[in-house]
PDB file of N, CA and C in Angstrom:
ATOM      1  N   UNK A   1      96.971  96.975 107.695  1.00  0.00           N
ATOM      2  CA  UNK A   1      97.630  95.738 108.059  1.00  0.00           C
ATOM      3  C   UNK A   1      96.633  94.842 108.789  1.00  0.00           C
ATOM      4  N   UNK A   2      96.601  93.597 108.410  1.00  0.00           N
ATOM      5  CA  UNK A   2      95.711  92.632 109.031  1.00  0.00           C
ATOM      6  C   UNK A   2      96.276  92.181 110.370  1.00  0.00           C
ATOM      7  N   UNK A   3      95.393  92.007 111.358  1.00  0.00           N
ATOM      8  CA  UNK A   3      95.804  91.555 112.682  1.00  0.00           C
ATOM      9  C   UNK A   3      94.992  90.334 113.087  1.00  0.00           C
ATOM     10  N   UNK A   4      95.623  89.459 113.830  1.00  0.00           N
ATOM     11  CA  UNK A   4      94.948  88.336 114.482  1.00  0.00           C
ATOM     12  C   UNK A   4      95.012  88.658 115.966  1.00  0.00           C
ATOM     13  N   UNK A   5      93.885  89.026 116.553  1.00  0.00           N
ATOM     14  CA  UNK A   5      93.916  89.524 117.920  1.00  0.00           C
ATOM     15  C   UNK A   5      94.717  90.814 117.928  1.00  0.00           C
ATOM     16  N   UNK A   6      95.794  90.843 118.688  1.00  0.00           N
ATOM     17  CA  UNK A   6      96.664  92.014 118.716  1.00  0.00           C
ATOM     18  C   UNK A   6      97.953  91.771 117.942  1.00  0.00           C
ATOM     19  N   UNK A   7      98.020  90.664 117.222  1.00  0.00           N
ATOM     20  CA  UNK A   7      99.238  90.267 116.519  1.00  0.00           C
ATOM     21  C   UNK A   7      99.118  90.624 115.033  1.00  0.00           C
ATOM     22  N   UNK A   8     100.041  91.445 114.504  1.00  0.00           N
ATOM     23  CA  UNK A   8      99.998  91.761 113.074  1.00  0.00           C
ATOM     24  C   UNK A   8     100.451  90.561 112.241  1.00  0.00           C
ATOM     25  N   UNK A   9      99.845  90.403 111.075  1.00  0.00           N
ATOM     26  CA  UNK A   9     100.219  89.333 110.152  1.00  0.00           C
ATOM     27  C   UNK A   9     101.419  89.822 109.331  1.00  0.00           C
ATOM     28  N   UNK A  10     102.530  89.085 109.356  1.00  0.00           N
ATOM     29  CA  UNK A  10     103.714  89.494 108.582  1.00  0.00           C
ATOM     30  C   UNK A  10     103.393  89.579 107.089  1.00  0.00           C
ATOM     31  N   UNK A  11     104.004  90.550 106.404  1.00  0.00           N
ATOM     32  CA  UNK A  11     103.742  90.757 104.979  1.00  0.00           C
ATOM     33  C   UNK A  11     104.897  90.300 104.092  1.00  0.00           C
ATOM     34  N   UNK A  12     106.119  90.425 104.561  1.00  0.00           N
ATOM     35  CA  UNK A  12     107.281  90.085 103.738  1.00  0.00           C
ATOM     36  C   UNK A  12     107.941  88.818 104.275  1.00  0.00           C
ATOM     37  N   UNK A  13     108.741  88.157 103.453  1.00  0.00           N
ATOM     38  CA  UNK A  13     109.464  86.976 103.952  1.00  0.00           C
ATOM     39  C   UNK A  13     110.351  87.302 105.155  1.00  0.00           C
ATOM     40  N   UNK A  14     110.941  88.479 105.183  1.00  0.00           N
ATOM     41  CA  UNK A  14     111.786  88.877 106.310  1.00  0.00           C
ATOM     42  C   UNK A  14     110.957  89.044 107.580  1.00  0.00           C
ATOM     43  N   UNK A  15     109.789  89.671 107.470  1.00  0.00           N
ATOM     44  CA  UNK A  15     108.905  89.820 108.627  1.00  0.00           C
ATOM     45  C   UNK A  15     108.450  88.454 109.126  1.00  0.00           C
ATOM     46  N   UNK A  16     108.155  87.562 108.196  1.00  0.00           N
ATOM     47  CA  UNK A  16     107.719  86.217 108.571  1.00  0.00           C
ATOM     48  C   UNK A  16     108.826  85.486 109.321  1.00  0.00           C
ATOM     49  N   UNK A  17     110.047  85.581 108.837  1.00  0.00           N
ATOM     50  CA  UNK A  17     111.179  84.927 109.504  1.00  0.00           C
ATOM     51  C   UNK A  17     111.371  85.470 110.915  1.00  0.00           C
ATOM     52  N   UNK A  18     111.267  86.793 111.081  1.00  0.00           N
ATOM     53  CA  UNK A  18     111.392  87.393 112.417  1.00  0.00           C
ATOM     54  C   UNK A  18     110.253  86.931 113.330  1.00  0.00           C
ATOM     55  N   UNK A  19     109.049  86.836 112.792  1.00  0.00           N
ATOM     56  CA  UNK A  19     107.905  86.385 113.589  1.00  0.00           C
ATOM     57  C   UNK A  19     108.095  84.940 114.038  1.00  0.00           C
ATOM     58  N   UNK A  20     108.625  84.107 113.172  1.00  0.00           N
ATOM     59  CA  UNK A  20     108.886  82.707 113.534  1.00  0.00           C
ATOM     60  C   UNK A  20     109.932  82.639 114.639  1.00  0.00           C
ATOM     61  N   UNK A  21     110.992  83.424 114.520  1.00  0.00           N
ATOM     62  CA  UNK A  21     112.034  83.437 115.559  1.00  0.00           C
ATOM     63  C   UNK A  21     111.464  83.902 116.897  1.00  0.00           C
ATOM     64  N   UNK A  22     110.640  84.959 116.887  1.00  0.00           N
ATOM     65  CA  UNK A  22     110.011  85.430 118.136  1.00  0.00           C
ATOM     66  C   UNK A  22     109.110  84.346 118.714  1.00  0.00           C
ATOM     67  N   UNK A  23     108.361  83.662 117.859  1.00  0.00           N
ATOM     68  CA  UNK A  23     107.457  82.598 118.290  1.00  0.00           C
ATOM     69  C   UNK A  23     108.243  81.474 118.973  1.00  0.00           C
ATOM     70  N   UNK A  24     109.362  81.090 118.380  1.00  0.00           N
ATOM     71  CA  UNK A  24     110.167  79.996 118.922  1.00  0.00           C
ATOM     72  C   UNK A  24     110.831  80.354 120.250  1.00  0.00           C
ATOM     73  N   UNK A  25     111.219  81.602 120.411  1.00  0.00           N
ATOM     74  CA  UNK A  25     111.972  81.986 121.602  1.00  0.00           C
ATOM     75  C   UNK A  25     111.105  82.601 122.697  1.00  0.00           C
ATOM     76  N   UNK A  26     109.826  82.800 122.437  1.00  0.00           N
ATOM     77  CA  UNK A  26     108.960  83.435 123.428  1.00  0.00           C
ATOM     78  C   UNK A  26     108.361  82.398 124.380  1.00  0.00           C
ATOM     79  N   UNK A  27     107.808  82.901 125.437  1.00  0.00           N
ATOM     80  CA  UNK A  27     107.152  82.053 126.435  1.00  0.00           C
ATOM     81  C   UNK A  27     105.650  82.341 126.401  1.00  0.00           C
ATOM     82  N   UNK A  28     105.067  82.194 125.228  1.00  0.00           N
ATOM     83  CA  UNK A  28     103.647  82.484 125.055  1.00  0.00           C
ATOM     84  C   UNK A  28     102.804  81.311 125.521  1.00  0.00           C
ATOM     85  N   UNK A  29     101.569  81.634 125.914  1.00  0.00           N
ATOM     86  CA  UNK A  29     100.638  80.588 126.358  1.00  0.00           C
ATOM     87  C   UNK A  29      99.214  80.967 125.924  1.00  0.00           C
ATOM     88  N   UNK A  30      98.379  79.961 125.841  1.00  0.00           N
ATOM     89  CA  UNK A  30      96.958  80.167 125.615  1.00  0.00           C
ATOM     90  C   UNK A  30      96.629  80.904 124.334  1.00  0.00           C
ATOM     91  N   UNK A  31      95.716  81.859 124.462  1.00  0.00           N
ATOM     92  CA  UNK A  31      95.219  82.603 123.298  1.00  0.00           C
ATOM     93  C   UNK A  31      96.337  83.374 122.591  1.00  0.00           C
ATOM     94  N   UNK A  32      97.247  83.947 123.358  1.00  0.00           N
ATOM     95  CA  UNK A  32      98.344  84.708 122.758  1.00  0.00           C
ATOM     96  C   UNK A  32      99.204  83.793 121.874  1.00  0.00           C
ATOM     97  N   UNK A  33      99.487  82.589 122.343  1.00  0.00           N
ATOM     98  CA  UNK A  33     100.253  81.613 121.559  1.00  0.00           C
ATOM     99  C   UNK A  33      99.508  81.275 120.263  1.00  0.00           C
ATOM    100  N   UNK A  34      98.203  81.036 120.373  1.00  0.00           N
ATOM    101  CA  UNK A  34      97.404  80.705 119.196  1.00  0.00           C
ATOM    102  C   UNK A  34      97.358  81.864 118.201  1.00  0.00           C
ATOM    103  N   UNK A  35      97.229  83.093 118.677  1.00  0.00           N
ATOM    104  CA  UNK A  35      97.183  84.257 117.785  1.00  0.00           C
ATOM    105  C   UNK A  35      98.484  84.398 117.009  1.00  0.00           C
ATOM    106  N   UNK A  36      99.615  84.197 117.681  1.00  0.00           N
ATOM    107  CA  UNK A  36     100.906  84.272 116.994  1.00  0.00           C
ATOM    108  C   UNK A  36     101.018  83.162 115.953  1.00  0.00           C
ATOM    109  N   UNK A  37     100.626  81.956 116.330  1.00  0.00           N
ATOM    110  CA  UNK A  37     100.682  80.818 115.401  1.00  0.00           C
ATOM    111  C   UNK A  37      99.801  81.092 114.180  1.00  0.00           C
ATOM    112  N   UNK A  38      98.598  81.587 114.421  1.00  0.00           N
ATOM    113  CA  UNK A  38      97.668  81.841 113.319  1.00  0.00           C
ATOM    114  C   UNK A  38      98.180  82.941 112.388  1.00  0.00           C
ATOM    115  N   UNK A  39      98.783  83.990 112.920  1.00  0.00           N
ATOM    116  CA  UNK A  39      99.335  85.059 112.086  1.00  0.00           C
ATOM    117  C   UNK A  39     100.463  84.517 111.213  1.00  0.00           C
ATOM    118  N   UNK A  40     101.329  83.674 111.798  1.00  0.00           N
ATOM    119  CA  UNK A  40     102.422  83.070 111.029  1.00  0.00           C
ATOM    120  C   UNK A  40     101.859  82.163 109.947  1.00  0.00           C
ATOM    121  N   UNK A  41     100.855  81.389 110.273  1.00  0.00           N
ATOM    122  CA  UNK A  41     100.231  80.477 109.298  1.00  0.00           C
ATOM    123  C   UNK A  41      99.638  81.247 108.124  1.00  0.00           C
ATOM    124  N   UNK A  42      98.878  82.297 108.423  1.00  0.00           N
ATOM    125  CA  UNK A  42      98.265  83.097 107.354  1.00  0.00           C
ATOM    126  C   UNK A  42      99.323  83.730 106.448  1.00  0.00           C
ATOM    127  N   UNK A  43     100.383  84.248 107.053  1.00  0.00           N
ATOM    128  CA  UNK A  43     101.453  84.862 106.266  1.00  0.00           C
ATOM    129  C   UNK A  43     102.145  83.830 105.388  1.00  0.00           C
ATOM    130  N   UNK A  44     102.412  82.652 105.935  1.00  0.00           N
ATOM    131  CA  UNK A  44     103.085  81.605 105.164  1.00  0.00           C
ATOM    132  C   UNK A  44     102.212  81.138 104.001  1.00  0.00           C
ATOM    133  N   UNK A  45     100.920  80.975 104.230  1.00  0.00           N
ATOM    134  CA  UNK A  45     100.011  80.568 103.154  1.00  0.00           C
ATOM    135  C   UNK A  45      99.931  81.636 102.064  1.00  0.00           C
ATOM    136  N   UNK A  46      99.859  82.895 102.460  1.00  0.00           N
ATOM    137  CA  UNK A  46      99.784  83.985 101.484  1.00  0.00           C
ATOM    138  C   UNK A  46     101.064  84.051 100.656  1.00  0.00           C
ATOM    139  N   UNK A  47     102.207  83.872 101.297  1.00  0.00           N
ATOM    140  CA  UNK A  47     103.472  83.921 100.572  1.00  0.00           C
ATOM    141  C   UNK A  47     103.650  82.695  99.689  1.00  0.00           C
ATOM    142  N   UNK A  48     103.151  81.544 100.119  1.00  0.00           N
ATOM    143  CA  UNK A  48     103.234  80.330  99.293  1.00  0.00           C
ATOM    144  C   UNK A  48     102.390  80.497  98.034  1.00  0.00           C
ATOM    145  N   UNK A  49     101.221  81.115  98.159  1.00  0.00           N
ATOM    146  CA  UNK A  49     100.354  81.338  96.999  1.00  0.00           C
ATOM    147  C   UNK A  49     101.036  82.274  96.009  1.00  0.00           C
ATOM    148  N   UNK A  50     101.743  83.266  96.506  1.00  0.00           N
ATOM    149  CA  UNK A  50     102.479  84.194  95.646  1.00  0.00           C
ATOM    150  C   UNK A  50     103.610  83.468  94.931  1.00  0.00           C
ATOM    151  N   UNK A  51     104.307  82.604  95.634  1.00  0.00           N
ATOM    152  CA  UNK A  51     105.412  81.839  95.049  1.00  0.00           C
ATOM    153  C   UNK A  51     104.919  80.913  93.939  1.00  0.00           C
ATOM    154  N   UNK A  52     103.782  80.283  94.136  1.00  0.00           N
ATOM    155  CA  UNK A  52     103.238  79.353  93.143  1.00  0.00           C
ATOM    156  C   UNK A  52     102.868  80.102  91.866  1.00  0.00           C
ATOM    157  N   UNK A  53     102.229  81.254  92.002  1.00  0.00           N
ATOM    158  CA  UNK A  53     101.838  82.031  90.820  1.00  0.00           C
ATOM    159  C   UNK A  53     103.050  82.512  90.043  1.00  0.00           C
ATOM    160  N   UNK A  54     104.145  82.789  90.729  1.00  0.00           N
ATOM    161  CA  UNK A  54     105.335  83.282  90.071  1.00  0.00           C
ATOM    162  C   UNK A  54     106.209  82.189  89.488  1.00  0.00           C
ATOM    163  N   UNK A  55     105.868  80.933  89.721  1.00  0.00           N
ATOM    164  CA  UNK A  55     106.695  79.812  89.285  1.00  0.00           C
ATOM    165  C   UNK A  55     106.115  79.184  88.016  1.00  0.00           C
ATOM    166  N   UNK A  56     106.100  79.944  86.939  1.00  0.00           N
ATOM    167  CA  UNK A  56     105.543  79.460  85.689  1.00  0.00           C
ATOM    168  C   UNK A  56     106.652  79.236  84.679  1.00  0.00           C
ATOM    169  N   UNK A  57     106.401  78.345  83.748  1.00  0.00           N
ATOM    170  CA  UNK A  57     107.371  78.054  82.700  1.00  0.00           C
ATOM    171  C   UNK A  57     107.266  79.126  81.632  1.00  0.00           C
ATOM    172  N   UNK A  58     108.388  79.770  81.265  1.00  0.00           N
ATOM    173  CA  UNK A  58     108.322  80.799  80.240  1.00  0.00           C
ATOM    174  C   UNK A  58     107.792  80.225  78.925  1.00  0.00           C
ATOM    175  N   UNK A  59     106.874  80.926  78.322  1.00  0.00           N
ATOM    176  CA  UNK A  59     106.339  80.512  77.037  1.00  0.00           C
ATOM    177  C   UNK A  59     105.278  79.437  77.108  1.00  0.00           C
ATOM    178  N   UNK A  60     104.866  79.048  78.307  1.00  0.00           N
ATOM    179  CA  UNK A  60     103.882  77.973  78.406  1.00  0.00           C
ATOM    180  C   UNK A  60     102.538  78.345  77.786  1.00  0.00           C
ATOM    181  N   UNK A  61     102.237  79.643  77.715  1.00  0.00           N
ATOM    182  CA  UNK A  61     100.974  80.061  77.130  1.00  0.00           C
ATOM    183  C   UNK A  61     100.987  79.945  75.590  1.00  0.00           C
ATOM    184  N   UNK A  62     102.131  79.652  75.002  1.00  0.00           N
ATOM    185  CA  UNK A  62     102.198  79.551  73.553  1.00  0.00           C
ATOM    186  C   UNK A  62     101.879  78.139  73.046  1.00  0.00           C
ATOM    187  N   UNK A  63     101.653  77.215  73.962  1.00  0.00           N
ATOM    188  CA  UNK A  63     101.374  75.827  73.541  1.00  0.00           C
ATOM    189  C   UNK A  63      99.900  75.598  73.362  1.00  0.00           C
TER     190      UNK A  63
END
């Protein structure tokens, strides 16, 4: 599992949602706040890339 500082990067959409909720309700400051933000950002970008690859038109390779 990839970590940013001591913060694990969420892997699933459910983990990402929980991480966002913890981020919003926590009283983080400084480096710890940045590490949480960066882990959420990396997870969201990775999941967005997966979503884009899976969003293809059926049969498009036949044209």
